[in-house]
Structure formats: C-alpha cells, structure tokens
C-alpha cells in the first residue's frame, strides 16, 4: 500500500529458554503481588536495541538494508538484576538488567544509531541502557510492595543467552497488547 506506515523497532531476542523461564517467573511474582502493572507477554520479552517508531514502508526496507550490512561478532549476554525506570519512587517500567555483554550491546546500538542517522531517522531521545522490560507500572497502587520486590530481586541472576542476531520487528498495537512480527534480521558473525 502506498503511504503505509509501520511501527518498528530493532530487537535482541532472548534465545535461551532457561533465561526466558527465569524472567517470566520473576515477572509473574511481581505481577501477582498487588502492584498495578501490565506484564509484557511471554512471546514479547526482548531487549530493544533501538525503538524507531512509525515510518513509511520504504524506510523499513532501508533499515533492513542497514542491518544486512552491519558487521559484529556474536556474544553472550548475562541477564542480571531487576530495577525500574525512571526512579524507585515514580516507577513506570520494571526491567531486568544486563551484567555481561552490555558493552557489546552499546557498541551495536551506536553502530545502528549512526546508520539510522544517515537515513535521517531522528536520534534516540534517551540514553541507551541495555535492559529487558518485564512490566509497565500503571499506577502508584502497591508501589511500597514493588520497592520491596525490587530490593529482593536487585541481584537476581537470570542466566546467559547468546546474542546471535538482531531483528527488525513490526509492532501492531491491539487492545490485548502489541503483536510483534519479524520484518528482517541480521545474523551476527
């Protein structure tokens, strides 16, 4: 369709099933604690390398070309720790952190950022901090419980997962939550 616009982002998938199970277990513990949150769906748990937003289909094709030409080695990502953005007193997002592999993720993000700049895609407004979103906080209800849980899980070790490819995903927003569709990917060397 001429003029069609797609909502897209570049992601790193969690390939290790043990890491996924650990993330889901902690997410579910927090979600069932009485805190007013919306959990990320099992199939949507990932690390966003770069949110792009709504762009024309032609730009999506150009981003796929950029990804195809990226050169980066595979590496391991150790997922460790739980925290919140922006602050513990006003949480909006509950996330799992990256202990090992974060420098490689930052390097990949910077490579992607440079190439997107060439495509005239506006720079990321936020500093890139490698993390995996687990839940979105809907209100202040139960925040005192959330503070205790974050303290309890701040050093949780979810395990290591290989980073073997980066994926451009389309996000279709629905009342039940977003549906992600792979548009293209780049296998790392």
Protein backbone atom coordinates (compact mmCIF):
# COMPACT_ATOMS: atom_id res chain seq x y z
CA UNK A 1 0.00 0.00 0.00
CA UNK A 2 1.37 3.36 -0.98
CA UNK A 3 1.93 5.58 2.04
CA UNK A 4 1.61 2.70 4.52
CA UNK A 5 3.33 3.43 7.85
CA UNK A 6 4.72 0.75 10.15
CA UNK A 7 5.68 0.98 13.84
CA UNK A 8 9.07 -0.73 14.12
CA UNK A 9 11.98 -1.37 16.46
CA UNK A 10 15.26 -3.27 16.45
CA UNK A 11 15.44 -6.08 18.98
CA UNK A 12 17.69 -8.69 20.54
CA UNK A 13 15.74 -11.85 21.31
CA UNK A 14 16.21 -13.94 24.45
CA UNK A 15 17.20 -17.26 22.87
CA UNK A 16 17.96 -19.30 26.00
CA UNK A 17 14.77 -20.95 27.30
CA UNK A 18 16.12 -21.08 30.86
CA UNK A 19 16.69 -17.32 30.85
CA UNK A 20 13.17 -16.80 29.45
CA UNK A 21 11.64 -19.01 32.14
CA UNK A 22 13.54 -17.14 34.88
CA UNK A 23 12.40 -13.75 33.51
CA UNK A 24 8.78 -14.94 33.30
CA UNK A 25 8.91 -16.35 36.84
CA UNK A 26 10.08 -13.04 38.37
CA UNK A 27 7.68 -11.05 36.16
CA UNK A 28 4.78 -13.21 37.38
CA UNK A 29 5.83 -12.88 41.03
CA UNK A 30 5.79 -9.10 40.72
CA UNK A 31 2.53 -9.10 38.72
CA UNK A 32 0.74 -11.21 41.36
CA UNK A 33 1.93 -9.08 44.29
CA UNK A 34 -0.86 -6.49 44.15
CA UNK A 35 1.19 -3.87 42.32
CA UNK A 36 -0.80 -2.20 39.49
CA UNK A 37 1.23 -3.39 36.49
CA UNK A 38 0.81 -4.72 32.98
CA UNK A 39 3.17 -7.64 32.32
CA UNK A 40 4.96 -7.97 28.98
CA UNK A 41 3.55 -11.02 27.21
CA UNK A 42 5.80 -14.14 27.24
CA UNK A 43 6.33 -14.05 23.48
CA UNK A 44 7.17 -10.32 23.53
CA UNK A 45 10.04 -10.42 26.05
CA UNK A 46 13.12 -8.99 24.31
CA UNK A 47 15.78 -6.31 24.57
CA UNK A 48 15.03 -3.22 22.47
CA UNK A 49 18.26 -2.19 20.80
CA UNK A 50 16.57 0.81 19.15
CA UNK A 51 12.94 1.91 19.02
CA UNK A 52 12.37 3.62 15.68
CA UNK A 53 8.63 4.34 15.74
CA UNK A 54 6.28 4.93 12.84
CA UNK A 55 7.98 5.11 9.46
CA UNK A 56 6.94 4.58 5.82
CA UNK A 57 7.40 1.08 4.34
CA UNK A 58 10.25 2.39 2.15
CA UNK A 59 12.21 3.40 5.24
CA UNK A 60 11.66 -0.08 6.71
CA UNK A 61 13.32 -1.52 3.59
CA UNK A 62 16.25 0.88 4.04
CA UNK A 63 16.61 -0.14 7.71
CA UNK A 64 16.68 -3.80 6.60
CA UNK A 65 19.50 -2.91 4.19
CA UNK A 66 21.39 -1.19 7.03
CA UNK A 67 21.03 -4.27 9.24
CA UNK A 68 22.17 -6.56 6.42
CA UNK A 69 25.45 -4.61 6.18
CA UNK A 70 26.24 -4.46 9.92
CA UNK A 71 29.36 -6.31 11.00
CA UNK A 72 29.51 -7.54 14.59
CA UNK A 73 30.54 -10.76 16.29
CA UNK A 74 28.19 -12.94 18.30
CA UNK A 75 28.46 -12.68 22.06
CA UNK A 76 26.84 -13.81 25.30
CA UNK A 77 24.52 -11.60 27.30
CA UNK A 78 24.15 -12.30 31.04
CA UNK A 79 20.82 -11.03 32.31
CA UNK A 80 21.12 -9.96 35.92
CA UNK A 81 19.33 -7.70 38.36
CA UNK A 82 15.90 -6.07 38.47
CA UNK A 83 15.28 -2.33 38.55
CA UNK A 84 12.87 0.39 37.48
CA UNK A 85 12.78 3.47 35.25
CA UNK A 86 12.78 6.38 35.90
CA UNK A 87 13.04 6.14 39.73
CA UNK A 88 12.01 3.77 42.50
CA UNK A 89 9.62 6.44 43.84
CA UNK A 90 7.95 7.00 40.46
CA UNK A 91 8.35 3.70 38.61
CA UNK A 92 6.97 3.39 35.07
CA UNK A 93 8.90 0.32 33.85
CA UNK A 94 10.24 -2.74 35.69
CA UNK A 95 13.23 -4.25 33.91
CA UNK A 96 15.91 -6.94 34.06
CA UNK A 97 19.44 -5.65 33.55
CA UNK A 98 22.45 -6.86 31.58
CA UNK A 99 25.61 -7.67 33.55
CA UNK A 100 27.82 -9.07 30.78
CA UNK A 101 27.50 -8.14 27.14
CA UNK A 102 26.33 -4.59 27.83
CA UNK A 103 29.42 -3.03 26.22
CA UNK A 104 28.75 -5.10 23.07
CA UNK A 105 25.09 -4.04 23.13
CA UNK A 106 26.08 -0.38 23.47
CA UNK A 107 28.53 -0.81 20.58
CA UNK A 108 25.78 -2.40 18.43
CA UNK A 109 23.34 0.36 19.41
CA UNK A 110 25.87 3.04 18.45
CA UNK A 111 26.52 1.34 15.08
CA UNK A 112 22.78 1.20 14.39
CA UNK A 113 22.34 4.81 15.57
CA UNK A 114 25.00 6.07 13.13
CA UNK A 115 23.35 4.25 10.22
CA UNK A 116 19.85 5.43 11.15
CA UNK A 117 21.20 8.99 11.30
CA UNK A 118 22.28 8.57 7.66
CA UNK A 119 18.69 7.61 6.85
CA UNK A 120 17.56 10.85 8.54
CA UNK A 121 15.84 8.98 11.37
CA UNK A 122 15.94 11.26 14.43
CA UNK A 123 18.41 10.28 17.15
CA UNK A 124 17.25 8.35 20.18
CA UNK A 125 16.00 10.82 22.81
CA UNK A 126 17.05 8.63 25.72
CA UNK A 127 20.47 7.31 26.64
CA UNK A 128 20.65 3.62 25.70
CA UNK A 129 20.75 1.46 28.83
CA UNK A 130 20.61 -2.26 27.97
CA UNK A 131 17.58 -3.82 29.69
CA UNK A 132 14.66 -6.17 29.14
CA UNK A 133 11.26 -4.70 30.03
CA UNK A 134 9.23 -7.09 32.19
CA UNK A 135 6.26 -4.96 33.30
CA UNK A 136 4.80 -1.49 32.87
CA UNK A 137 3.57 0.24 36.02
CA UNK A 138 0.01 1.54 35.52
CA UNK A 139 -0.46 3.49 38.78
CA UNK A 140 1.02 4.10 42.22
CA UNK A 141 -1.07 1.29 43.75
CA UNK A 142 1.18 -1.15 45.60
CA UNK A 143 4.40 0.77 44.93
CA UNK A 144 5.57 0.02 48.50
CA UNK A 145 5.37 -3.71 47.66
CA UNK A 146 7.19 -3.05 44.39
CA UNK A 147 10.03 -1.29 46.25
CA UNK A 148 10.47 -4.40 48.47
CA UNK A 149 10.41 -6.74 45.46
CA UNK A 150 12.98 -4.66 43.56
CA UNK A 151 15.23 -4.81 46.62
CA UNK A 152 14.70 -8.58 46.84
CA UNK A 153 15.48 -9.19 43.16
CA UNK A 154 18.09 -6.46 42.55
CA UNK A 155 20.84 -9.10 42.18
CA UNK A 156 18.75 -11.90 40.63
CA UNK A 157 20.79 -13.84 38.06
CA UNK A 158 18.62 -14.94 35.14
CA UNK A 159 21.48 -16.65 33.27
CA UNK A 160 23.23 -16.14 29.94
CA UNK A 161 21.73 -16.12 26.48
CA UNK A 162 23.56 -15.96 23.15
CA UNK A 163 23.20 -12.83 21.01
CA UNK A 164 23.33 -14.31 17.53
CA UNK A 165 21.19 -11.91 15.54
CA UNK A 166 19.41 -8.56 15.58
CA UNK A 167 15.84 -8.34 14.33
CA UNK A 168 13.71 -5.54 12.92
CA UNK A 169 10.23 -6.09 14.31
CA UNK A 170 6.90 -4.53 13.41
CA UNK A 171 4.68 -3.71 16.40
CA UNK A 172 0.94 -3.81 15.80
CA UNK A 173 -0.89 -2.29 18.76
CA UNK A 174 -4.07 -4.12 19.85
CA UNK A 175 -6.32 -3.83 22.93
CA UNK A 176 -4.79 -7.09 24.23
CA UNK A 177 -1.25 -5.84 23.79
CA UNK A 178 1.22 -5.45 20.93
CA UNK A 179 1.75 -8.16 18.32
CA UNK A 180 5.32 -8.34 17.04
CA UNK A 181 6.18 -9.55 13.54
CA UNK A 182 9.73 -10.07 12.27
CA UNK A 183 10.42 -7.88 9.23
CA UNK A 184 14.07 -8.84 8.65
CA UNK A 185 17.11 -9.88 10.65
CA UNK A 186 20.90 -9.91 10.54
CA UNK A 187 22.80 -12.91 11.81
CA UNK A 188 25.92 -11.79 13.64
CA UNK A 189 29.30 -13.15 12.57
